Amino acid sequence: MTRGRSPHNPTDPAERGALLSSQSPPFLLVFRTIWPEPLSLRSMRILQTRHTVEFIAPPELGELTSIVQGAVLLFTLQLHNFGRKQSLDGLSIAVDDDGIMLTPNAFRAPGITAISAKFPHGVETGKVLDAIDDDGIGRCKLVDAFVEMTKVMREPISARRTAQRHLNAFVASLTSST
């Protein structure tokens, strides 16, 4: 899991994006498996103590489902650090086989196989949170992009191409309803 990790601060601290994770230390995630339905902001239970965040997933779900839920949860927490009205102009969403993240990021750089897409002008964190919370096409495309990236070591070219297509569809869905 350390592959793709960056030194403590890989970007210029003056850059707006360096603030993404600087408001709180990086989270250590502890996964347990007792979650009865798919992860959504309305249904998830997050137990947070100091620097540990715990989310609970169902035992009948496969390992990949738990990994996907963890990636979506981490991305959601990153967005929550910004608040619902923060503009994402100039920032990108990156997906690698370790997760989904806003970039630039002060604590982790995307892995070498990562794909990314810039957020369109005018997109705020609330719009992205709503797209993730809604179980519609936007969330599906983001999840599909991450699932494809988990295959990147086995099928490097086709997985990256398919994942990029899904990520672009997710970002496009953020402006289609405005």
N, C-alpha and C. Protein backbone atom coordinates (compact mmCIF):
# COMPACT_ATOMS: atom_id res chain seq x y z
N MET A 1 0.81 -1.20 0.00
CA MET A 1 0.00 0.00 0.00
C MET A 1 0.85 1.27 0.00
N THR A 2 2.15 1.16 0.15
CA THR A 2 2.96 2.37 0.16
C THR A 2 3.29 2.82 -1.25
N ARG A 3 3.10 1.97 -2.26
CA ARG A 3 3.37 2.36 -3.63
C ARG A 3 2.48 3.55 -3.98
N GLY A 4 3.05 4.55 -4.62
CA GLY A 4 2.28 5.72 -4.99
C GLY A 4 2.22 6.77 -3.90
N ARG A 5 2.77 6.47 -2.75
CA ARG A 5 2.78 7.45 -1.67
C ARG A 5 3.84 8.50 -1.96
N SER A 6 3.62 9.67 -1.46
CA SER A 6 4.56 10.76 -1.71
C SER A 6 5.23 11.17 -0.41
N PRO A 7 6.28 11.97 -0.51
CA PRO A 7 6.83 12.57 0.70
C PRO A 7 5.75 13.43 1.35
N HIS A 8 6.01 13.86 2.57
CA HIS A 8 5.00 14.58 3.34
C HIS A 8 4.34 15.71 2.55
N ASN A 9 5.09 16.52 1.84
CA ASN A 9 4.48 17.63 1.12
C ASN A 9 5.07 17.73 -0.29
N PRO A 10 4.50 17.02 -1.27
CA PRO A 10 5.06 17.01 -2.61
C PRO A 10 4.75 18.26 -3.42
N THR A 11 3.86 19.10 -2.94
CA THR A 11 3.48 20.28 -3.70
C THR A 11 3.88 21.54 -2.95
N ASP A 12 3.91 22.62 -3.66
CA ASP A 12 4.20 23.91 -3.05
C ASP A 12 3.08 24.25 -2.08
N PRO A 13 3.39 24.53 -0.80
CA PRO A 13 2.34 24.81 0.18
C PRO A 13 1.49 26.01 -0.20
N ALA A 14 2.01 26.88 -1.05
CA ALA A 14 1.23 28.04 -1.47
C ALA A 14 0.08 27.65 -2.38
N GLU A 15 0.19 26.49 -3.00
CA GLU A 15 -0.90 26.04 -3.87
C GLU A 15 -2.15 25.77 -3.05
N ARG A 16 -3.30 26.17 -3.59
CA ARG A 16 -4.57 25.96 -2.89
C ARG A 16 -4.81 24.50 -2.57
N GLY A 17 -4.42 23.63 -3.46
CA GLY A 17 -4.67 22.21 -3.27
C GLY A 17 -3.91 21.61 -2.11
N ALA A 18 -2.83 22.26 -1.67
CA ALA A 18 -2.06 21.73 -0.55
C ALA A 18 -2.88 21.75 0.73
N LEU A 19 -3.96 22.53 0.74
CA LEU A 19 -4.81 22.60 1.92
C LEU A 19 -5.74 21.40 2.05
N LEU A 20 -5.82 20.58 1.02
CA LEU A 20 -6.79 19.48 1.03
C LEU A 20 -6.73 18.64 2.29
N SER A 21 -5.55 18.22 2.65
CA SER A 21 -5.45 17.34 3.81
C SER A 21 -4.76 18.01 4.99
N SER A 22 -4.36 19.25 4.84
CA SER A 22 -3.59 19.88 5.91
C SER A 22 -4.46 20.29 7.09
N GLN A 23 -5.79 20.27 6.92
CA GLN A 23 -6.66 20.65 8.02
C GLN A 23 -6.71 19.58 9.10
N SER A 24 -6.37 18.37 8.77
CA SER A 24 -6.35 17.31 9.77
C SER A 24 -5.31 16.28 9.34
N PRO A 25 -4.74 15.55 10.29
CA PRO A 25 -3.75 14.53 9.94
C PRO A 25 -4.38 13.45 9.08
N PRO A 26 -3.57 12.69 8.35
CA PRO A 26 -4.14 11.62 7.54
C PRO A 26 -4.85 10.60 8.43
N PHE A 27 -5.91 10.03 7.89
CA PHE A 27 -6.71 9.09 8.67
C PHE A 27 -6.14 7.68 8.55
N LEU A 28 -6.19 6.97 9.64
CA LEU A 28 -5.90 5.56 9.64
C LEU A 28 -7.26 4.87 9.60
N LEU A 29 -7.45 4.03 8.62
CA LEU A 29 -8.75 3.36 8.51
C LEU A 29 -8.70 1.96 9.09
N VAL A 30 -9.70 1.65 9.83
CA VAL A 30 -9.86 0.31 10.37
C VAL A 30 -11.16 -0.22 9.79
N PHE A 31 -11.10 -1.33 9.05
CA PHE A 31 -12.29 -1.86 8.41
C PHE A 31 -12.83 -3.04 9.21
N ARG A 32 -14.12 -3.01 9.46
CA ARG A 32 -14.80 -4.17 10.02
C ARG A 32 -15.94 -4.49 9.07
N THR A 33 -16.48 -5.67 9.14
CA THR A 33 -17.47 -6.04 8.13
C THR A 33 -18.83 -6.37 8.73
N ILE A 34 -19.65 -5.34 8.92
CA ILE A 34 -21.04 -5.54 9.33
C ILE A 34 -21.95 -4.46 8.77
N TRP A 35 -21.79 -4.09 7.53
CA TRP A 35 -22.57 -3.02 6.91
C TRP A 35 -23.72 -3.62 6.11
N PRO A 36 -24.99 -3.28 6.41
CA PRO A 36 -26.12 -3.96 5.78
C PRO A 36 -26.50 -3.48 4.38
N GLU A 37 -26.05 -2.32 3.94
CA GLU A 37 -26.42 -1.84 2.62
C GLU A 37 -25.26 -1.08 2.00
N PRO A 38 -25.35 -0.74 0.71
CA PRO A 38 -24.26 -0.01 0.06
C PRO A 38 -23.97 1.31 0.79
N LEU A 39 -22.74 1.70 0.74
CA LEU A 39 -22.30 2.92 1.42
C LEU A 39 -22.95 4.15 0.78
N SER A 40 -23.59 4.97 1.58
CA SER A 40 -24.08 6.27 1.13
C SER A 40 -23.99 7.20 2.32
N LEU A 41 -23.98 8.49 2.05
CA LEU A 41 -23.85 9.45 3.14
C LEU A 41 -25.01 9.34 4.11
N ARG A 42 -26.19 8.96 3.61
CA ARG A 42 -27.36 8.85 4.49
C ARG A 42 -27.31 7.60 5.36
N SER A 43 -26.65 6.55 4.88
CA SER A 43 -26.73 5.29 5.61
C SER A 43 -25.44 4.89 6.32
N MET A 44 -24.33 5.59 6.04
CA MET A 44 -23.09 5.12 6.65
C MET A 44 -22.96 5.54 8.10
N ARG A 45 -22.31 4.68 8.85
CA ARG A 45 -21.95 5.00 10.22
C ARG A 45 -20.45 5.18 10.24
N ILE A 46 -20.02 6.34 10.64
CA ILE A 46 -18.59 6.58 10.74
C ILE A 46 -18.29 6.81 12.21
N LEU A 47 -17.42 6.02 12.74
CA LEU A 47 -16.98 6.19 14.11
C LEU A 47 -15.61 6.83 14.05
N GLN A 48 -15.49 8.05 14.53
CA GLN A 48 -14.21 8.74 14.44
C GLN A 48 -13.70 9.05 15.84
N THR A 49 -12.50 8.61 16.13
CA THR A 49 -11.85 8.95 17.38
C THR A 49 -10.45 9.39 17.04
N ARG A 50 -10.12 10.55 17.42
CA ARG A 50 -8.83 11.16 17.12
C ARG A 50 -8.49 11.02 15.65
N HIS A 51 -7.58 10.15 15.29
CA HIS A 51 -7.16 10.03 13.90
C HIS A 51 -7.55 8.69 13.30
N THR A 52 -8.55 8.04 13.88
CA THR A 52 -9.00 6.76 13.37
C THR A 52 -10.44 6.90 12.89
N VAL A 53 -10.69 6.43 11.70
CA VAL A 53 -12.05 6.42 11.18
C VAL A 53 -12.39 4.97 10.90
N GLU A 54 -13.56 4.55 11.34
CA GLU A 54 -13.97 3.17 11.17
C GLU A 54 -15.27 3.18 10.38
N PHE A 55 -15.38 2.38 9.35
CA PHE A 55 -16.67 2.20 8.72
C PHE A 55 -16.97 0.72 8.67
N ILE A 56 -18.24 0.42 8.61
CA ILE A 56 -18.67 -0.95 8.80
C ILE A 56 -19.34 -1.46 7.53
N ALA A 57 -18.87 -2.57 7.00
CA ALA A 57 -19.38 -3.13 5.75
C ALA A 57 -19.91 -4.54 6.01
N PRO A 58 -20.86 -5.03 5.19
CA PRO A 58 -21.49 -6.32 5.44
C PRO A 58 -20.56 -7.51 5.18
N PRO A 59 -20.68 -8.58 5.96
CA PRO A 59 -19.82 -9.74 5.78
C PRO A 59 -20.06 -10.46 4.46
N GLU A 60 -21.27 -10.35 3.92
CA GLU A 60 -21.55 -11.08 2.67
C GLU A 60 -20.95 -10.40 1.45
N LEU A 61 -20.48 -9.17 1.61
CA LEU A 61 -19.87 -8.49 0.48
C LEU A 61 -18.45 -9.00 0.28
N GLY A 62 -18.05 -9.05 -0.97
CA GLY A 62 -16.70 -9.51 -1.26
C GLY A 62 -15.65 -8.48 -0.86
N GLU A 63 -14.40 -8.91 -0.94
CA GLU A 63 -13.29 -8.04 -0.57
C GLU A 63 -13.26 -6.79 -1.45
N LEU A 64 -13.51 -6.94 -2.75
CA LEU A 64 -13.47 -5.79 -3.65
C LEU A 64 -14.51 -4.76 -3.26
N THR A 65 -15.71 -5.20 -2.86
CA THR A 65 -16.75 -4.26 -2.45
C THR A 65 -16.29 -3.44 -1.25
N SER A 66 -15.66 -4.08 -0.29
CA SER A 66 -15.15 -3.35 0.87
C SER A 66 -14.07 -2.36 0.47
N ILE A 67 -13.22 -2.75 -0.46
CA ILE A 67 -12.16 -1.85 -0.93
C ILE A 67 -12.78 -0.65 -1.64
N VAL A 68 -13.79 -0.90 -2.47
CA VAL A 68 -14.47 0.20 -3.18
C VAL A 68 -15.14 1.12 -2.17
N GLN A 69 -15.84 0.56 -1.19
CA GLN A 69 -16.49 1.39 -0.18
C GLN A 69 -15.47 2.22 0.59
N GLY A 70 -14.33 1.63 0.89
CA GLY A 70 -13.27 2.36 1.58
C GLY A 70 -12.75 3.52 0.75
N ALA A 71 -12.56 3.29 -0.55
CA ALA A 71 -12.08 4.35 -1.44
C ALA A 71 -13.09 5.49 -1.53
N VAL A 72 -14.37 5.15 -1.66
CA VAL A 72 -15.41 6.18 -1.73
C VAL A 72 -15.49 6.93 -0.40
N LEU A 73 -15.38 6.23 0.70
CA LEU A 73 -15.42 6.87 2.01
C LEU A 73 -14.27 7.85 2.19
N LEU A 74 -13.06 7.44 1.84
CA LEU A 74 -11.91 8.34 1.97
C LEU A 74 -12.08 9.59 1.11
N PHE A 75 -12.58 9.40 -0.11
CA PHE A 75 -12.80 10.55 -0.99
C PHE A 75 -13.88 11.46 -0.41
N THR A 76 -14.93 10.87 0.14
CA THR A 76 -16.00 11.64 0.78
C THR A 76 -15.47 12.44 1.96
N LEU A 77 -14.63 11.83 2.78
CA LEU A 77 -14.04 12.54 3.92
C LEU A 77 -13.17 13.70 3.45
N GLN A 78 -12.44 13.49 2.37
CA GLN A 78 -11.61 14.56 1.83
C GLN A 78 -12.48 15.74 1.38
N LEU A 79 -13.60 15.45 0.74
CA LEU A 79 -14.52 16.51 0.32
C LEU A 79 -15.15 17.20 1.53
N HIS A 80 -15.50 16.44 2.56
CA HIS A 80 -16.09 17.02 3.77
C HIS A 80 -15.14 17.99 4.45
N ASN A 81 -13.83 17.75 4.37
CA ASN A 81 -12.86 18.68 4.95
C ASN A 81 -12.97 20.06 4.32
N PHE A 82 -13.38 20.12 3.08
CA PHE A 82 -13.52 21.39 2.38
C PHE A 82 -14.82 22.11 2.71
N GLY A 83 -15.86 21.39 3.08
CA GLY A 83 -17.18 21.99 3.26
C GLY A 83 -17.95 21.92 1.95
N ARG A 84 -19.26 22.11 2.00
CA ARG A 84 -20.11 21.91 0.82
C ARG A 84 -20.02 23.01 -0.23
N LYS A 85 -19.59 24.18 0.12
CA LYS A 85 -19.61 25.30 -0.83
C LYS A 85 -18.25 25.64 -1.44
N GLN A 86 -17.22 24.84 -1.18
CA GLN A 86 -15.88 25.12 -1.69
C GLN A 86 -15.80 24.84 -3.19
N SER A 87 -15.27 25.79 -3.94
CA SER A 87 -15.09 25.61 -5.37
C SER A 87 -13.93 24.64 -5.63
N LEU A 88 -14.09 23.78 -6.60
CA LEU A 88 -13.04 22.83 -6.97
C LEU A 88 -12.31 23.27 -8.23
N ASP A 89 -12.46 24.53 -8.62
CA ASP A 89 -11.77 25.06 -9.80
C ASP A 89 -10.27 24.86 -9.65
N GLY A 90 -9.64 24.33 -10.68
CA GLY A 90 -8.21 24.12 -10.68
C GLY A 90 -7.76 22.82 -10.05
N LEU A 91 -8.67 22.09 -9.44
CA LEU A 91 -8.32 20.81 -8.83
C LEU A 91 -8.73 19.67 -9.76
N SER A 92 -8.17 18.52 -9.50
CA SER A 92 -8.48 17.33 -10.29
C SER A 92 -8.91 16.20 -9.37
N ILE A 93 -9.59 15.24 -9.95
CA ILE A 93 -9.89 14.00 -9.25
C ILE A 93 -8.97 12.95 -9.87
N ALA A 94 -8.28 12.22 -9.03
CA ALA A 94 -7.36 11.18 -9.50
C ALA A 94 -7.83 9.83 -8.96
N VAL A 95 -7.67 8.81 -9.77
CA VAL A 95 -8.02 7.45 -9.36
C VAL A 95 -6.82 6.55 -9.68
N ASP A 96 -6.37 5.83 -8.67
CA ASP A 96 -5.35 4.81 -8.89
C ASP A 96 -5.81 3.54 -8.19
N ASP A 97 -4.98 2.53 -8.18
CA ASP A 97 -5.42 1.27 -7.58
C ASP A 97 -5.43 1.32 -6.06
N ASP A 98 -5.03 2.44 -5.46
CA ASP A 98 -5.11 2.61 -4.01
C ASP A 98 -6.30 3.45 -3.58
N GLY A 99 -6.95 4.15 -4.50
CA GLY A 99 -8.10 4.94 -4.09
C GLY A 99 -8.44 6.09 -5.02
N ILE A 100 -9.34 6.94 -4.51
CA ILE A 100 -9.85 8.11 -5.22
C ILE A 100 -9.43 9.32 -4.41
N MET A 101 -8.95 10.38 -5.06
CA MET A 101 -8.48 11.53 -4.30
C MET A 101 -8.56 12.81 -5.10
N LEU A 102 -8.62 13.92 -4.35
CA LEU A 102 -8.47 15.23 -4.96
C LEU A 102 -6.98 15.50 -5.08
N THR A 103 -6.58 16.15 -6.17
CA THR A 103 -5.17 16.50 -6.33
C THR A 103 -5.06 17.97 -6.71
N PRO A 104 -3.96 18.64 -6.36
CA PRO A 104 -2.82 18.13 -5.61
C PRO A 104 -3.21 17.86 -4.17
N ASN A 105 -2.46 16.98 -3.54
CA ASN A 105 -2.74 16.52 -2.19
C ASN A 105 -1.45 16.54 -1.38
N ALA A 106 -1.49 17.09 -0.19
CA ALA A 106 -0.28 17.25 0.62
C ALA A 106 0.23 15.94 1.21
N PHE A 107 -0.58 14.90 1.26
CA PHE A 107 -0.16 13.67 1.92
C PHE A 107 0.05 12.49 1.01
N ARG A 108 -0.47 12.53 -0.20
CA ARG A 108 -0.32 11.38 -1.09
C ARG A 108 -0.40 11.83 -2.53
N ALA A 109 0.56 11.38 -3.31
CA ALA A 109 0.52 11.63 -4.75
C ALA A 109 -0.12 10.41 -5.41
N PRO A 110 -0.82 10.61 -6.52
CA PRO A 110 -1.38 9.46 -7.22
C PRO A 110 -0.26 8.52 -7.67
N GLY A 111 -0.56 7.24 -7.75
CA GLY A 111 0.42 6.25 -8.20
C GLY A 111 0.78 6.44 -9.66
N ILE A 112 1.78 5.72 -10.11
CA ILE A 112 2.27 5.90 -11.48
C ILE A 112 1.26 5.47 -12.54
N THR A 113 0.32 4.64 -12.18
CA THR A 113 -0.69 4.18 -13.13
C THR A 113 -1.98 4.99 -13.05
N ALA A 114 -1.99 6.06 -12.26
CA ALA A 114 -3.22 6.83 -12.00
C ALA A 114 -3.77 7.49 -13.26
N ILE A 115 -5.07 7.70 -13.22
CA ILE A 115 -5.76 8.50 -14.23
C ILE A 115 -6.33 9.71 -13.50
N SER A 116 -6.59 10.78 -14.22
CA SER A 116 -7.17 11.96 -13.56
C SER A 116 -8.01 12.75 -14.55
N ALA A 117 -8.84 13.62 -13.98
CA ALA A 117 -9.68 14.53 -14.78
C ALA A 117 -9.85 15.81 -13.99
N LYS A 118 -9.76 16.93 -14.68
CA LYS A 118 -9.95 18.23 -14.03
C LYS A 118 -11.44 18.48 -13.83
N PHE A 119 -11.76 19.10 -12.69
CA PHE A 119 -13.15 19.48 -12.45
C PHE A 119 -13.50 20.67 -13.33
N PRO A 120 -14.69 20.69 -13.92
CA PRO A 120 -15.12 21.82 -14.72
C PRO A 120 -15.29 23.08 -13.86
N HIS A 121 -15.21 24.23 -14.47
CA HIS A 121 -15.40 25.50 -13.78
C HIS A 121 -16.79 25.53 -13.13
N GLY A 122 -16.84 25.99 -11.89
CA GLY A 122 -18.11 26.16 -11.19
C GLY A 122 -18.57 24.96 -10.37
N VAL A 123 -17.84 23.86 -10.40
CA VAL A 123 -18.24 22.69 -9.61
C VAL A 123 -17.79 22.89 -8.16
N GLU A 124 -18.72 22.71 -7.23
CA GLU A 124 -18.41 22.84 -5.81
C GLU A 124 -18.44 21.46 -5.16
N THR A 125 -17.85 21.37 -3.98
CA THR A 125 -17.79 20.08 -3.28
C THR A 125 -19.17 19.49 -3.04
N GLY A 126 -20.16 20.33 -2.76
CA GLY A 126 -21.52 19.84 -2.53
C GLY A 126 -22.07 19.08 -3.72
N LYS A 127 -21.77 19.55 -4.92
CA LYS A 127 -22.23 18.89 -6.14
C LYS A 127 -21.60 17.50 -6.26
N VAL A 128 -20.32 17.40 -5.93
CA VAL A 128 -19.64 16.11 -5.99
C VAL A 128 -20.17 15.17 -4.90
N LEU A 129 -20.36 15.71 -3.69
CA LEU A 129 -20.92 14.89 -2.60
C LEU A 129 -22.31 14.37 -2.96
N ASP A 130 -23.13 15.22 -3.57
CA ASP A 130 -24.47 14.78 -3.99
C ASP A 130 -24.38 13.69 -5.04
N ALA A 131 -23.44 13.84 -5.99
CA ALA A 131 -23.28 12.83 -7.04
C ALA A 131 -22.82 11.49 -6.45
N ILE A 132 -21.98 11.55 -5.42
CA ILE A 132 -21.51 10.32 -4.78
C ILE A 132 -22.62 9.69 -3.95
N ASP A 133 -23.38 10.53 -3.25
CA ASP A 133 -24.45 10.02 -2.38
C ASP A 133 -25.61 9.46 -3.18
N ASP A 134 -25.87 10.05 -4.33
CA ASP A 134 -26.92 9.57 -5.21
C ASP A 134 -26.44 8.27 -5.85
N ASP A 135 -27.24 7.25 -5.83
CA ASP A 135 -26.81 5.98 -6.42
C ASP A 135 -27.04 5.95 -7.93
N GLY A 136 -27.02 7.10 -8.57
CA GLY A 136 -27.26 7.20 -9.99
C GLY A 136 -26.00 6.99 -10.82
N ILE A 137 -26.04 7.50 -12.05
CA ILE A 137 -24.98 7.26 -13.03
C ILE A 137 -23.63 7.82 -12.59
N GLY A 138 -23.63 8.98 -11.91
CA GLY A 138 -22.37 9.58 -11.49
C GLY A 138 -21.59 8.67 -10.56
N ARG A 139 -22.24 8.22 -9.52
CA ARG A 139 -21.57 7.33 -8.56
C ARG A 139 -21.12 6.05 -9.25
N CYS A 140 -21.97 5.50 -10.10
CA CYS A 140 -21.62 4.26 -10.80
C CYS A 140 -20.36 4.45 -11.63
N LYS A 141 -20.25 5.56 -12.33
CA LYS A 141 -19.08 5.80 -13.17
C LYS A 141 -17.82 5.96 -12.33
N LEU A 142 -17.92 6.65 -11.20
CA LEU A 142 -16.76 6.80 -10.32
C LEU A 142 -16.33 5.45 -9.76
N VAL A 143 -17.29 4.66 -9.30
CA VAL A 143 -16.99 3.33 -8.78
C VAL A 143 -16.42 2.45 -9.89
N ASP A 144 -17.01 2.51 -11.09
CA ASP A 144 -16.50 1.73 -12.22
C ASP A 144 -15.05 2.09 -12.54
N ALA A 145 -14.74 3.39 -12.47
CA ALA A 145 -13.36 3.83 -12.74
C ALA A 145 -12.40 3.22 -11.73
N PHE A 146 -12.79 3.24 -10.45
CA PHE A 146 -11.91 2.66 -9.43
C PHE A 146 -11.77 1.15 -9.59
N VAL A 147 -12.88 0.47 -9.86
CA VAL A 147 -12.83 -0.98 -10.05
C VAL A 147 -11.90 -1.33 -11.21
N GLU A 148 -11.98 -0.58 -12.30
CA GLU A 148 -11.08 -0.82 -13.44
C GLU A 148 -9.63 -0.61 -13.05
N MET A 149 -9.37 0.38 -12.20
CA MET A 149 -7.99 0.64 -11.78
C MET A 149 -7.44 -0.48 -10.91
N THR A 150 -8.32 -1.22 -10.23
CA THR A 150 -7.83 -2.36 -9.45
C THR A 150 -7.34 -3.48 -10.36
N LYS A 151 -7.72 -3.44 -11.64
CA LYS A 151 -7.30 -4.45 -12.62
C LYS A 151 -6.04 -4.02 -13.37
N VAL A 152 -5.53 -2.83 -13.10
CA VAL A 152 -4.49 -2.25 -13.93
C VAL A 152 -3.20 -3.07 -13.97
N MET A 153 -2.90 -3.82 -12.95
CA MET A 153 -1.68 -4.63 -12.97
C MET A 153 -1.82 -5.84 -13.90
N ARG A 154 -3.05 -6.34 -14.05
CA ARG A 154 -3.27 -7.49 -14.92
C ARG A 154 -3.46 -7.08 -16.37
N GLU A 155 -4.18 -6.00 -16.59
CA GLU A 155 -4.51 -5.54 -17.95
C GLU A 155 -4.21 -4.04 -18.04
N PRO A 156 -2.94 -3.64 -18.09
CA PRO A 156 -2.59 -2.23 -17.92
C PRO A 156 -3.22 -1.27 -18.93
N ILE A 157 -3.19 -1.57 -20.19
CA ILE A 157 -3.65 -0.60 -21.18
C ILE A 157 -5.17 -0.53 -21.23
N SER A 158 -5.84 -1.66 -21.34
CA SER A 158 -7.30 -1.63 -21.46
C SER A 158 -7.96 -1.15 -20.17
N ALA A 159 -7.42 -1.52 -19.01
CA ALA A 159 -8.01 -1.09 -17.74
C ALA A 159 -7.89 0.43 -17.58
N ARG A 160 -6.73 1.00 -17.90
CA ARG A 160 -6.56 2.45 -17.79
C ARG A 160 -7.49 3.19 -18.75
N ARG A 161 -7.61 2.69 -19.96
CA ARG A 161 -8.46 3.33 -20.96
C ARG A 161 -9.93 3.30 -20.51
N THR A 162 -10.38 2.15 -20.05
CA THR A 162 -11.77 2.02 -19.58
C THR A 162 -12.00 2.87 -18.34
N ALA A 163 -11.07 2.85 -17.41
CA ALA A 163 -11.19 3.65 -16.19
C ALA A 163 -11.25 5.14 -16.51
N GLN A 164 -10.41 5.59 -17.45
CA GLN A 164 -10.42 7.01 -17.83
C GLN A 164 -11.77 7.39 -18.43
N ARG A 165 -12.34 6.51 -19.23
CA ARG A 165 -13.66 6.77 -19.83
C ARG A 165 -14.72 6.91 -18.73
N HIS A 166 -14.69 6.04 -17.73
CA HIS A 166 -15.65 6.12 -16.62
C HIS A 166 -15.44 7.39 -15.80
N LEU A 167 -14.19 7.74 -15.52
CA LEU A 167 -13.91 8.95 -14.74
C LEU A 167 -14.37 10.19 -15.48
N ASN A 168 -14.11 10.26 -16.78
CA ASN A 168 -14.58 11.40 -17.57
C ASN A 168 -16.10 11.50 -17.56
N ALA A 169 -16.79 10.36 -17.60
CA ALA A 169 -18.26 10.36 -17.55
C ALA A 169 -18.75 10.87 -16.20
N PHE A 170 -18.06 10.50 -15.11
CA PHE A 170 -18.42 11.00 -13.78
C PHE A 170 -18.27 12.51 -13.72
N VAL A 171 -17.14 13.03 -14.16
CA VAL A 171 -16.90 14.47 -14.11
C VAL A 171 -17.90 15.20 -15.02
N ALA A 172 -18.19 14.64 -16.18
CA ALA A 172 -19.17 15.25 -17.09
C ALA A 172 -20.56 15.28 -16.46
N SER A 173 -20.90 14.27 -15.67
CA SER A 173 -22.23 14.23 -15.04
C SER A 173 -22.40 15.34 -14.00
N LEU A 174 -21.30 15.90 -13.51
CA LEU A 174 -21.38 16.97 -12.52
C LEU A 174 -21.92 18.27 -13.11
N THR A 175 -21.73 18.46 -14.41
CA THR A 175 -22.21 19.69 -15.04
C THR A 175 -23.45 19.47 -15.90
N SER A 176 -23.83 18.23 -16.15
CA SER A 176 -24.96 17.97 -17.04
C SER A 176 -26.30 18.39 -16.46
N SER A 177 -26.42 18.44 -15.13
CA SER A 177 -27.71 18.79 -14.53
C SER A 177 -27.76 20.23 -14.04
N THR A 178 -26.74 21.03 -14.37
CA THR A 178 -26.76 22.42 -13.90
C THR A 178 -27.40 23.34 -14.88
